[in-house]
Amino acid sequence: MDATTKSPASLEILLDVQVKLTVELGSCQVPMRDVLQFNLGSVIKLNQAAHAPVDLYISQKRIARGEVVVVDDRYAVKITEIFGANS
């Protein structure tokens, strides 16, 4: 196939491909001893402040940052920053 073939048209097939978007709210390190004691209702304190921005990932690549909001009784993310290829 010639490299000068219409690239945008050939990318059209990819536009409907489903990708997994992950929002990282925070993380923490806990000893396995504590993990084994988790029950329904257990609370795990994360390293992020309540109103800190969250990172959005596609295939473990950070693509954006945003803030958690509530829309129609569901959590959502309002994007506040989009990262380029060099981020």
C-alpha atoms as a PDB file:
ATOM      1  CA  MET A   1       0.000   0.000   0.000  1.00  0.00           C
ATOM      2  CA  ASP A   2       1.330   3.440  -0.896  1.00  0.00           C
ATOM      3  CA  ALA A   3       2.210   5.607   2.142  1.00  0.00           C
ATOM      4  CA  THR A   4       0.554   8.603   0.489  1.00  0.00           C
ATOM      5  CA  THR A   5      -2.834   6.917   0.486  1.00  0.00           C
ATOM      6  CA  LYS A   6      -5.519   8.954   2.246  1.00  0.00           C
ATOM      7  CA  SER A   7      -4.497   8.577   5.885  1.00  0.00           C
ATOM      8  CA  PRO A   8      -7.557  10.288   7.424  1.00  0.00           C
ATOM      9  CA  ALA A   9      -9.896   8.029   5.458  1.00  0.00           C
ATOM     10  CA  SER A  10      -7.969   4.933   6.503  1.00  0.00           C
ATOM     11  CA  LEU A  11      -8.172   6.049  10.147  1.00  0.00           C
ATOM     12  CA  GLU A  12     -11.954   6.292   9.874  1.00  0.00           C
ATOM     13  CA  ILE A  13     -12.238   2.576  10.694  1.00  0.00           C
ATOM     14  CA  LEU A  14     -10.660   3.202  14.109  1.00  0.00           C
ATOM     15  CA  LEU A  15     -13.109   5.870  15.261  1.00  0.00           C
ATOM     16  CA  ASP A  16     -15.667   3.357  16.563  1.00  0.00           C
ATOM     17  CA  VAL A  17     -13.139   1.110  18.339  1.00  0.00           C
ATOM     18  CA  GLN A  18     -13.955   0.895  22.059  1.00  0.00           C
ATOM     19  CA  VAL A  19     -11.090   1.768  24.420  1.00  0.00           C
ATOM     20  CA  LYS A  20     -10.963   1.491  28.185  1.00  0.00           C
ATOM     21  CA  LEU A  21     -10.800   4.863  29.901  1.00  0.00           C
ATOM     22  CA  THR A  22      -9.562   4.755  33.478  1.00  0.00           C
ATOM     23  CA  VAL A  23      -9.859   7.578  35.989  1.00  0.00           C
ATOM     24  CA  GLU A  24      -7.357   7.447  38.830  1.00  0.00           C
ATOM     25  CA  LEU A  25      -8.894   8.969  41.924  1.00  0.00           C
ATOM     26  CA  GLY A  26      -5.921   8.164  44.130  1.00  0.00           C
ATOM     27  CA  SER A  27      -3.855   5.334  45.485  1.00  0.00           C
ATOM     28  CA  CYS A  28      -2.269   4.104  48.665  1.00  0.00           C
ATOM     29  CA  GLN A  29      -0.032   1.374  49.964  1.00  0.00           C
ATOM     30  CA  VAL A  30      -1.380  -0.963  52.601  1.00  0.00           C
ATOM     31  CA  PRO A  31       0.086  -4.065  54.180  1.00  0.00           C
ATOM     32  CA  MET A  32      -1.399  -7.361  53.019  1.00  0.00           C
ATOM     33  CA  ARG A  33      -2.477  -7.894  56.639  1.00  0.00           C
ATOM     34  CA  ASP A  34      -4.860  -4.933  56.263  1.00  0.00           C
ATOM     35  CA  VAL A  35      -6.081  -6.052  52.819  1.00  0.00           C
ATOM     36  CA  LEU A  36      -7.071  -9.428  54.244  1.00  0.00           C
ATOM     37  CA  GLN A  37      -9.210  -7.652  56.839  1.00  0.00           C
ATOM     38  CA  PHE A  38     -11.254  -5.656  54.298  1.00  0.00           C
ATOM     39  CA  ASN A  39     -15.004  -6.150  54.685  1.00  0.00           C
ATOM     40  CA  LEU A  40     -18.116  -4.546  53.269  1.00  0.00           C
ATOM     41  CA  GLY A  41     -18.064  -0.989  54.523  1.00  0.00           C
ATOM     42  CA  SER A  42     -14.288  -0.827  54.977  1.00  0.00           C
ATOM     43  CA  VAL A  43     -12.902   2.637  54.247  1.00  0.00           C
ATOM     44  CA  ILE A  44      -9.553   3.033  52.504  1.00  0.00           C
ATOM     45  CA  LYS A  45      -7.884   6.431  52.797  1.00  0.00           C
ATOM     46  CA  LEU A  46      -6.238   7.509  49.534  1.00  0.00           C
ATOM     47  CA  ASN A  47      -3.269   9.808  49.023  1.00  0.00           C
ATOM     48  CA  GLN A  48      -5.321  12.438  47.149  1.00  0.00           C
ATOM     49  CA  ALA A  49      -7.081  15.382  48.758  1.00  0.00           C
ATOM     50  CA  ALA A  50     -10.859  15.398  48.278  1.00  0.00           C
ATOM     51  CA  HIS A  51     -10.826  18.170  45.668  1.00  0.00           C
ATOM     52  CA  ALA A  52      -7.534  17.281  43.955  1.00  0.00           C
ATOM     53  CA  PRO A  53      -7.563  16.761  40.188  1.00  0.00           C
ATOM     54  CA  VAL A  54      -7.845  13.209  38.842  1.00  0.00           C
ATOM     55  CA  ASP A  55      -5.884  11.706  35.949  1.00  0.00           C
ATOM     56  CA  LEU A  56      -7.500  10.003  32.935  1.00  0.00           C
ATOM     57  CA  TYR A  57      -5.710   7.102  31.238  1.00  0.00           C
ATOM     58  CA  ILE A  58      -6.224   5.108  28.059  1.00  0.00           C
ATOM     59  CA  SER A  59      -4.161   1.899  27.946  1.00  0.00           C
ATOM     60  CA  GLN A  60      -2.093   3.103  30.907  1.00  0.00           C
ATOM     61  CA  LYS A  61      -1.144   6.320  29.054  1.00  0.00           C
ATOM     62  CA  ARG A  62      -2.166   9.531  30.822  1.00  0.00           C
ATOM     63  CA  ILE A  63      -4.167  11.597  28.365  1.00  0.00           C
ATOM     64  CA  ALA A  64      -5.897  14.222  30.500  1.00  0.00           C
ATOM     65  CA  ARG A  65      -6.606  15.621  33.939  1.00  0.00           C
ATOM     66  CA  GLY A  66      -9.920  16.755  35.350  1.00  0.00           C
ATOM     67  CA  GLU A  67     -12.130  17.292  38.349  1.00  0.00           C
ATOM     68  CA  VAL A  68     -14.792  14.965  39.721  1.00  0.00           C
ATOM     69  CA  VAL A  69     -18.339  16.286  39.356  1.00  0.00           C
ATOM     70  CA  VAL A  70     -21.818  14.822  39.806  1.00  0.00           C
ATOM     71  CA  VAL A  71     -24.161  14.694  36.804  1.00  0.00           C
ATOM     72  CA  ASP A  72     -27.653  13.180  37.161  1.00  0.00           C
ATOM     73  CA  ASP A  73     -26.674  11.356  40.386  1.00  0.00           C
ATOM     74  CA  ARG A  74     -23.586   9.818  38.757  1.00  0.00           C
ATOM     75  CA  TYR A  75     -19.937  10.658  39.130  1.00  0.00           C
ATOM     76  CA  ALA A  76     -18.348  12.249  36.071  1.00  0.00           C
ATOM     77  CA  VAL A  77     -15.083  13.975  35.210  1.00  0.00           C
ATOM     78  CA  LYS A  78     -14.861  17.499  33.836  1.00  0.00           C
ATOM     79  CA  ILE A  79     -11.672  17.646  31.748  1.00  0.00           C
ATOM     80  CA  THR A  80      -9.488  20.604  32.684  1.00  0.00           C
ATOM     81  CA  GLU A  81      -6.250  19.703  30.885  1.00  0.00           C
ATOM     82  CA  ILE A  82      -5.370  17.534  27.880  1.00  0.00           C
ATOM     83  CA  PHE A  83      -1.826  16.219  27.507  1.00  0.00           C
ATOM     84  CA  GLY A  84       0.082  16.055  24.239  1.00  0.00           C
ATOM     85  CA  ALA A  85       2.229  13.242  22.926  1.00  0.00           C
ATOM     86  CA  ASN A  86       5.260  14.436  24.930  1.00  0.00           C
ATOM     87  CA  SER A  87       3.514  14.578  28.326  1.00  0.00           C
END
